Amino acid sequence: MWKLLLASLLLVITTMNLSADATQDQIMALDRAWAKAVCDSDYATLERVTSPQLIYSHSDGAVDTREDFLNRLRKSTSDYQSIDISRMEVKLFGDTAILTARAQFKVLVDGGRQLNNDLAYTHVYQKTNGKWVMIAHQSALMAKK
């Protein structure tokens, strides 16, 4: 009896861990899709992976709504060349996921001047109607070494 109970408990724990791992992988893939969409000016994907209630806090202190953020990208003289993510971690809290990452942002500004910004960022994702969407973005410029 005890062996059966222990085996059942181990099966439940293993299933829960596999499910958490799959969700973490899903959130990381969603975040990579966000980064690619920013670089590709893919507004349809950006709308799909972000919430209409998104709070987007830039590394310069500016805070945008989703519409402000998308309009800023559309009108910007900045051209995101790449977002190279070097480290990413996801913590799950029920239907909320907090992703922290480090990335190198390569951006052309002012008609061709290259910026290479090392940023740390946090994204908060929420599962709404069975779908994960970004509800908050916060980034910080890392000090030059």
N, C-alpha and C. Protein backbone atom coordinates (compact mmCIF):
# COMPACT_ATOMS: atom_id res chain seq x y z
N MET A 1 0.82 -1.19 0.00
CA MET A 1 0.00 0.00 0.00
C MET A 1 0.87 1.26 0.00
N TRP A 2 1.87 1.29 0.91
CA TRP A 2 2.73 2.47 1.00
C TRP A 2 3.54 2.66 -0.28
N LYS A 3 3.97 1.55 -0.88
CA LYS A 3 4.74 1.63 -2.11
C LYS A 3 3.89 2.23 -3.23
N LEU A 4 2.63 1.84 -3.31
CA LEU A 4 1.73 2.37 -4.32
C LEU A 4 1.48 3.86 -4.09
N LEU A 5 1.29 4.26 -2.85
CA LEU A 5 1.08 5.67 -2.51
C LEU A 5 2.32 6.50 -2.84
N LEU A 6 3.50 5.99 -2.51
CA LEU A 6 4.74 6.68 -2.81
C LEU A 6 4.96 6.80 -4.31
N ALA A 7 4.69 5.73 -5.05
CA ALA A 7 4.84 5.75 -6.50
C ALA A 7 3.87 6.76 -7.11
N SER A 8 2.65 6.82 -6.62
CA SER A 8 1.65 7.78 -7.13
C SER A 8 2.09 9.21 -6.84
N LEU A 9 2.62 9.45 -5.65
CA LEU A 9 3.09 10.78 -5.29
C LEU A 9 4.25 11.21 -6.18
N LEU A 10 5.19 10.32 -6.43
CA LEU A 10 6.33 10.63 -7.31
C LEU A 10 5.86 10.92 -8.73
N LEU A 11 4.86 10.20 -9.20
CA LEU A 11 4.31 10.44 -10.54
C LEU A 11 3.67 11.82 -10.62
N VAL A 12 2.93 12.21 -9.61
CA VAL A 12 2.30 13.54 -9.58
C VAL A 12 3.35 14.64 -9.57
N ILE A 13 4.38 14.49 -8.74
CA ILE A 13 5.44 15.50 -8.66
C ILE A 13 6.18 15.60 -9.98
N THR A 14 6.49 14.48 -10.60
CA THR A 14 7.18 14.48 -11.89
C THR A 14 6.34 15.16 -12.96
N THR A 15 5.05 14.86 -12.98
CA THR A 15 4.14 15.49 -13.96
C THR A 15 4.06 16.99 -13.75
N MET A 16 4.00 17.42 -12.49
CA MET A 16 3.95 18.85 -12.19
C MET A 16 5.23 19.54 -12.66
N ASN A 17 6.39 18.92 -12.42
CA ASN A 17 7.67 19.49 -12.85
C ASN A 17 7.76 19.58 -14.36
N LEU A 18 7.31 18.54 -15.07
CA LEU A 18 7.33 18.56 -16.53
C LEU A 18 6.42 19.65 -17.07
N SER A 19 5.27 19.83 -16.43
CA SER A 19 4.33 20.88 -16.85
C SER A 19 4.93 22.26 -16.62
N ALA A 20 5.58 22.47 -15.49
CA ALA A 20 6.22 23.76 -15.20
C ALA A 20 7.34 24.03 -16.19
N ASP A 21 8.13 23.00 -16.50
CA ASP A 21 9.22 23.16 -17.47
C ASP A 21 8.67 23.54 -18.84
N ALA A 22 7.58 22.90 -19.25
CA ALA A 22 6.97 23.19 -20.55
C ALA A 22 6.45 24.62 -20.58
N THR A 23 5.86 25.08 -19.49
CA THR A 23 5.35 26.46 -19.42
C THR A 23 6.51 27.45 -19.46
N GLN A 24 7.57 27.17 -18.73
CA GLN A 24 8.74 28.05 -18.76
C GLN A 24 9.32 28.13 -20.18
N ASP A 25 9.39 26.99 -20.86
CA ASP A 25 9.87 26.98 -22.25
C ASP A 25 8.95 27.80 -23.14
N GLN A 26 7.65 27.70 -22.91
CA GLN A 26 6.67 28.47 -23.70
C GLN A 26 6.86 29.97 -23.49
N ILE A 27 7.08 30.40 -22.26
CA ILE A 27 7.29 31.81 -21.95
C ILE A 27 8.59 32.30 -22.60
N MET A 28 9.65 31.49 -22.54
CA MET A 28 10.91 31.88 -23.18
C MET A 28 10.75 32.01 -24.69
N ALA A 29 10.00 31.10 -25.30
CA ALA A 29 9.75 31.18 -26.75
C ALA A 29 8.94 32.42 -27.08
N LEU A 30 7.99 32.74 -26.25
CA LEU A 30 7.18 33.95 -26.45
C LEU A 30 8.06 35.19 -26.35
N ASP A 31 9.01 35.19 -25.43
CA ASP A 31 9.89 36.33 -25.28
C ASP A 31 10.83 36.48 -26.48
N ARG A 32 11.30 35.36 -27.00
CA ARG A 32 12.13 35.41 -28.21
C ARG A 32 11.30 35.93 -29.39
N ALA A 33 10.03 35.56 -29.44
CA ALA A 33 9.14 36.07 -30.50
C ALA A 33 8.97 37.58 -30.37
N TRP A 34 8.87 38.09 -29.12
CA TRP A 34 8.80 39.53 -28.90
C TRP A 34 10.05 40.22 -29.44
N ALA A 35 11.23 39.68 -29.10
CA ALA A 35 12.50 40.29 -29.53
C ALA A 35 12.60 40.31 -31.05
N LYS A 36 12.25 39.21 -31.69
CA LYS A 36 12.30 39.13 -33.15
C LYS A 36 11.31 40.12 -33.77
N ALA A 37 10.12 40.22 -33.19
CA ALA A 37 9.10 41.13 -33.71
C ALA A 37 9.54 42.59 -33.60
N VAL A 38 10.23 42.95 -32.51
CA VAL A 38 10.75 44.31 -32.37
C VAL A 38 11.74 44.60 -33.49
N CYS A 39 12.64 43.66 -33.76
CA CYS A 39 13.66 43.85 -34.80
C CYS A 39 13.07 43.85 -36.21
N ASP A 40 12.01 43.05 -36.41
CA ASP A 40 11.40 42.92 -37.73
C ASP A 40 10.27 43.93 -37.97
N SER A 41 9.99 44.79 -36.99
CA SER A 41 8.84 45.71 -37.07
C SER A 41 7.56 44.93 -37.38
N ASP A 42 7.40 43.80 -36.71
CA ASP A 42 6.25 42.92 -36.90
C ASP A 42 5.18 43.30 -35.87
N TYR A 43 4.36 44.27 -36.21
CA TYR A 43 3.38 44.80 -35.27
C TYR A 43 2.27 43.81 -34.95
N ALA A 44 1.93 42.95 -35.89
CA ALA A 44 0.90 41.94 -35.63
C ALA A 44 1.35 40.99 -34.52
N THR A 45 2.61 40.56 -34.58
CA THR A 45 3.13 39.68 -33.52
C THR A 45 3.22 40.43 -32.21
N LEU A 46 3.67 41.68 -32.24
CA LEU A 46 3.75 42.46 -31.00
C LEU A 46 2.37 42.62 -30.36
N GLU A 47 1.34 42.80 -31.17
CA GLU A 47 -0.02 42.89 -30.61
C GLU A 47 -0.47 41.55 -30.06
N ARG A 48 -0.05 40.46 -30.70
CA ARG A 48 -0.46 39.13 -30.26
C ARG A 48 0.20 38.74 -28.93
N VAL A 49 1.46 39.13 -28.72
CA VAL A 49 2.20 38.67 -27.53
C VAL A 49 2.10 39.66 -26.36
N THR A 50 1.47 40.81 -26.57
CA THR A 50 1.33 41.79 -25.49
C THR A 50 -0.14 42.04 -25.18
N SER A 51 -0.40 42.41 -23.96
CA SER A 51 -1.75 42.74 -23.51
C SER A 51 -2.11 44.17 -23.92
N PRO A 52 -3.38 44.43 -24.21
CA PRO A 52 -3.80 45.81 -24.45
C PRO A 52 -3.51 46.71 -23.23
N GLN A 53 -3.40 46.13 -22.05
CA GLN A 53 -3.11 46.88 -20.82
C GLN A 53 -1.61 46.94 -20.51
N LEU A 54 -0.75 46.61 -21.47
CA LEU A 54 0.69 46.58 -21.26
C LEU A 54 1.20 47.90 -20.68
N ILE A 55 2.10 47.79 -19.69
CA ILE A 55 2.85 48.92 -19.16
C ILE A 55 4.29 48.70 -19.60
N TYR A 56 4.82 49.61 -20.42
CA TYR A 56 6.14 49.42 -21.03
C TYR A 56 7.06 50.52 -20.55
N SER A 57 7.96 50.17 -19.63
CA SER A 57 8.90 51.13 -19.04
C SER A 57 10.26 50.97 -19.71
N HIS A 58 10.69 52.02 -20.40
CA HIS A 58 11.95 52.00 -21.15
C HIS A 58 13.14 52.27 -20.22
N SER A 59 14.33 51.96 -20.70
CA SER A 59 15.55 52.16 -19.91
C SER A 59 15.84 53.63 -19.66
N ASP A 60 15.24 54.53 -20.45
CA ASP A 60 15.44 55.97 -20.24
C ASP A 60 14.41 56.57 -19.28
N GLY A 61 13.53 55.73 -18.74
CA GLY A 61 12.53 56.20 -17.78
C GLY A 61 11.17 56.48 -18.38
N ALA A 62 11.06 56.52 -19.71
CA ALA A 62 9.76 56.76 -20.34
C ALA A 62 8.86 55.55 -20.10
N VAL A 63 7.57 55.83 -19.90
CA VAL A 63 6.59 54.77 -19.67
C VAL A 63 5.51 54.90 -20.73
N ASP A 64 5.24 53.79 -21.42
CA ASP A 64 4.26 53.77 -22.50
C ASP A 64 3.16 52.76 -22.22
N THR A 65 2.01 53.01 -22.85
CA THR A 65 0.99 51.98 -22.99
C THR A 65 1.39 51.12 -24.19
N ARG A 66 0.64 50.07 -24.46
CA ARG A 66 0.96 49.27 -25.64
C ARG A 66 0.85 50.12 -26.90
N GLU A 67 -0.21 50.90 -27.02
CA GLU A 67 -0.38 51.73 -28.22
C GLU A 67 0.74 52.76 -28.35
N ASP A 68 1.12 53.37 -27.22
CA ASP A 68 2.25 54.32 -27.24
C ASP A 68 3.53 53.63 -27.72
N PHE A 69 3.79 52.43 -27.18
CA PHE A 69 4.98 51.68 -27.54
C PHE A 69 4.99 51.35 -29.04
N LEU A 70 3.87 50.84 -29.54
CA LEU A 70 3.80 50.48 -30.97
C LEU A 70 3.92 51.72 -31.85
N ASN A 71 3.29 52.81 -31.46
CA ASN A 71 3.40 54.06 -32.23
C ASN A 71 4.83 54.59 -32.20
N ARG A 72 5.49 54.46 -31.05
CA ARG A 72 6.89 54.89 -30.94
C ARG A 72 7.76 54.10 -31.91
N LEU A 73 7.52 52.79 -32.00
CA LEU A 73 8.28 51.95 -32.94
C LEU A 73 7.99 52.35 -34.39
N ARG A 74 6.72 52.61 -34.68
CA ARG A 74 6.33 52.97 -36.06
C ARG A 74 6.96 54.29 -36.50
N LYS A 75 7.02 55.25 -35.60
CA LYS A 75 7.49 56.60 -35.93
C LYS A 75 8.98 56.79 -35.67
N SER A 76 9.60 55.82 -35.06
CA SER A 76 10.97 55.99 -34.58
C SER A 76 11.99 56.14 -35.71
N THR A 77 13.01 56.91 -35.40
CA THR A 77 14.18 56.98 -36.29
C THR A 77 15.19 55.92 -35.90
N SER A 78 14.86 55.12 -34.88
CA SER A 78 15.72 54.03 -34.44
C SER A 78 15.34 52.75 -35.19
N ASP A 79 16.36 52.00 -35.59
CA ASP A 79 16.16 50.75 -36.31
C ASP A 79 16.81 49.64 -35.50
N TYR A 80 15.99 48.80 -34.86
CA TYR A 80 16.52 47.70 -34.06
C TYR A 80 17.10 46.66 -34.99
N GLN A 81 18.41 46.47 -34.91
CA GLN A 81 19.12 45.50 -35.75
C GLN A 81 19.06 44.11 -35.15
N SER A 82 19.28 44.03 -33.83
CA SER A 82 19.22 42.73 -33.17
C SER A 82 19.02 42.91 -31.67
N ILE A 83 18.44 41.89 -31.08
CA ILE A 83 18.35 41.76 -29.63
C ILE A 83 18.89 40.37 -29.33
N ASP A 84 20.14 40.34 -28.85
CA ASP A 84 20.81 39.07 -28.57
C ASP A 84 20.68 38.76 -27.09
N ILE A 85 19.81 37.82 -26.77
CA ILE A 85 19.54 37.46 -25.38
C ILE A 85 20.61 36.48 -24.91
N SER A 86 21.30 36.85 -23.83
CA SER A 86 22.40 36.01 -23.33
C SER A 86 22.01 35.19 -22.11
N ARG A 87 21.01 35.64 -21.38
CA ARG A 87 20.59 34.92 -20.16
C ARG A 87 19.11 35.15 -19.98
N MET A 88 18.39 34.10 -19.63
CA MET A 88 16.95 34.21 -19.45
C MET A 88 16.51 33.23 -18.36
N GLU A 89 15.64 33.69 -17.48
CA GLU A 89 15.12 32.84 -16.41
C GLU A 89 13.65 33.17 -16.20
N VAL A 90 12.85 32.14 -15.95
CA VAL A 90 11.41 32.32 -15.74
C VAL A 90 11.02 31.73 -14.39
N LYS A 91 10.24 32.49 -13.64
CA LYS A 91 9.64 32.01 -12.38
C LYS A 91 8.13 32.04 -12.57
N LEU A 92 7.45 30.97 -12.17
CA LEU A 92 6.00 30.86 -12.31
C LEU A 92 5.31 31.07 -10.98
N PHE A 93 4.21 31.81 -11.03
CA PHE A 93 3.38 32.08 -9.86
C PHE A 93 1.93 31.93 -10.31
N GLY A 94 1.47 30.69 -10.43
CA GLY A 94 0.11 30.44 -10.92
C GLY A 94 -0.01 30.88 -12.37
N ASP A 95 -0.93 31.80 -12.64
CA ASP A 95 -1.15 32.31 -13.99
C ASP A 95 -0.31 33.54 -14.30
N THR A 96 0.75 33.75 -13.53
CA THR A 96 1.68 34.85 -13.76
C THR A 96 3.09 34.28 -13.88
N ALA A 97 3.85 34.82 -14.83
CA ALA A 97 5.24 34.41 -15.01
C ALA A 97 6.10 35.66 -15.05
N ILE A 98 7.22 35.60 -14.35
CA ILE A 98 8.17 36.70 -14.36
C ILE A 98 9.44 36.21 -15.04
N LEU A 99 9.79 36.89 -16.13
CA LEU A 99 10.98 36.54 -16.90
C LEU A 99 12.01 37.63 -16.69
N THR A 100 13.23 37.23 -16.36
CA THR A 100 14.34 38.18 -16.28
C THR A 100 15.37 37.77 -17.32
N ALA A 101 16.00 38.78 -17.92
CA ALA A 101 16.94 38.49 -19.00
C ALA A 101 18.00 39.57 -19.09
N ARG A 102 19.09 39.21 -19.75
CA ARG A 102 20.14 40.15 -20.16
C ARG A 102 20.22 40.05 -21.66
N ALA A 103 20.40 41.19 -22.32
CA ALA A 103 20.47 41.18 -23.78
C ALA A 103 21.29 42.35 -24.28
N GLN A 104 21.89 42.12 -25.42
CA GLN A 104 22.62 43.17 -26.15
C GLN A 104 21.68 43.68 -27.24
N PHE A 105 21.33 44.96 -27.16
CA PHE A 105 20.46 45.59 -28.15
C PHE A 105 21.35 46.38 -29.11
N LYS A 106 21.28 46.04 -30.39
CA LYS A 106 22.01 46.78 -31.41
C LYS A 106 20.99 47.58 -32.21
N VAL A 107 21.17 48.90 -32.18
CA VAL A 107 20.18 49.80 -32.76
C VAL A 107 20.89 50.85 -33.60
N LEU A 108 20.37 51.09 -34.80
CA LEU A 108 20.85 52.21 -35.62
C LEU A 108 19.98 53.41 -35.31
N VAL A 109 20.63 54.54 -34.98
CA VAL A 109 19.91 55.77 -34.66
C VAL A 109 20.48 56.92 -35.48
N ASP A 110 19.72 57.99 -35.56
CA ASP A 110 20.19 59.21 -36.20
C ASP A 110 20.81 58.96 -37.57
N GLY A 111 20.12 58.20 -38.39
CA GLY A 111 20.58 58.00 -39.75
C GLY A 111 21.79 57.10 -39.90
N GLY A 112 22.07 56.24 -38.95
CA GLY A 112 23.13 55.27 -39.15
C GLY A 112 24.12 55.09 -38.02
N ARG A 113 24.03 55.90 -36.95
CA ARG A 113 24.94 55.72 -35.81
C ARG A 113 24.53 54.46 -35.05
N GLN A 114 25.51 53.58 -34.78
CA GLN A 114 25.24 52.30 -34.11
C GLN A 114 25.31 52.44 -32.59
N LEU A 115 24.25 51.99 -31.91
CA LEU A 115 24.26 51.89 -30.45
C LEU A 115 24.29 50.42 -30.07
N ASN A 116 25.14 50.09 -29.12
CA ASN A 116 25.19 48.74 -28.57
C ASN A 116 24.91 48.87 -27.08
N ASN A 117 23.67 48.59 -26.71
CA ASN A 117 23.27 48.73 -25.31
C ASN A 117 23.13 47.37 -24.65
N ASP A 118 23.79 47.22 -23.52
CA ASP A 118 23.67 46.03 -22.70
C ASP A 118 22.56 46.32 -21.69
N LEU A 119 21.44 45.59 -21.82
CA LEU A 119 20.29 45.84 -20.96
C LEU A 119 19.94 44.61 -20.13
N ALA A 120 19.45 44.86 -18.94
CA ALA A 120 18.77 43.85 -18.15
C ALA A 120 17.29 44.20 -18.25
N TYR A 121 16.44 43.20 -18.41
CA TYR A 121 15.02 43.51 -18.47
C TYR A 121 14.20 42.46 -17.75
N THR A 122 13.02 42.89 -17.35
CA THR A 122 12.03 42.02 -16.71
C THR A 122 10.75 42.12 -17.50
N HIS A 123 10.19 40.98 -17.83
CA HIS A 123 8.88 40.91 -18.46
C HIS A 123 7.95 40.13 -17.55
N VAL A 124 6.75 40.64 -17.38
CA VAL A 124 5.73 39.94 -16.63
C VAL A 124 4.69 39.46 -17.63
N TYR A 125 4.43 38.15 -17.59
CA TYR A 125 3.43 37.54 -18.46
C TYR A 125 2.27 37.05 -17.60
N GLN A 126 1.07 37.11 -18.17
CA GLN A 126 -0.12 36.63 -17.47
C GLN A 126 -0.91 35.75 -18.42
N LYS A 127 -1.41 34.65 -17.90
CA LYS A 127 -2.25 33.77 -18.71
C LYS A 127 -3.68 34.28 -18.61
N THR A 128 -4.21 34.71 -19.76
CA THR A 128 -5.56 35.27 -19.84
C THR A 128 -6.30 34.55 -20.95
N ASN A 129 -7.45 33.99 -20.62
CA ASN A 129 -8.25 33.24 -21.59
C ASN A 129 -7.42 32.15 -22.26
N GLY A 130 -6.57 31.48 -21.47
CA GLY A 130 -5.77 30.37 -21.97
C GLY A 130 -4.54 30.76 -22.77
N LYS A 131 -4.24 32.06 -22.82
CA LYS A 131 -3.13 32.54 -23.64
C LYS A 131 -2.20 33.41 -22.80
N TRP A 132 -0.89 33.20 -22.92
CA TRP A 132 0.10 34.01 -22.21
C TRP A 132 0.35 35.30 -22.99
N VAL A 133 0.30 36.44 -22.29
CA VAL A 133 0.61 37.73 -22.90
C VAL A 133 1.45 38.56 -21.93
N MET A 134 2.31 39.41 -22.50
CA MET A 134 3.14 40.29 -21.70
C MET A 134 2.28 41.44 -21.16
N ILE A 135 2.35 41.65 -19.84
CA ILE A 135 1.58 42.75 -19.23
C ILE A 135 2.49 43.87 -18.74
N ALA A 136 3.80 43.59 -18.63
CA ALA A 136 4.73 44.63 -18.17
C ALA A 136 6.13 44.37 -18.71
N HIS A 137 6.80 45.48 -19.03
CA HIS A 137 8.19 45.45 -19.47
C HIS A 137 8.92 46.52 -18.68
N GLN A 138 10.09 46.18 -18.16
CA GLN A 138 10.96 47.14 -17.47
C GLN A 138 12.38 46.82 -17.86
N SER A 139 13.11 47.82 -18.36
CA SER A 139 14.51 47.57 -18.73
C SER A 139 15.42 48.57 -18.07
N ALA A 140 16.67 48.16 -17.91
CA ALA A 140 17.69 49.03 -17.30
C ALA A 140 18.98 48.88 -18.08
N LEU A 141 19.61 50.01 -18.34
CA LEU A 141 20.89 50.03 -19.03
C LEU A 141 21.97 49.61 -18.04
N MET A 142 22.76 48.63 -18.42
CA MET A 142 23.83 48.14 -17.55
C MET A 142 25.02 49.08 -17.68
N ALA A 143 25.75 49.25 -16.60
CA ALA A 143 26.91 50.13 -16.58
C ALA A 143 27.99 49.58 -17.50
N LYS A 144 28.67 50.48 -18.21
CA LYS A 144 29.78 50.06 -19.07
C LYS A 144 30.94 49.64 -18.20
N LYS A 145 31.63 48.58 -18.60
CA LYS A 145 32.77 48.09 -17.81
C LYS A 145 34.05 48.65 -18.34
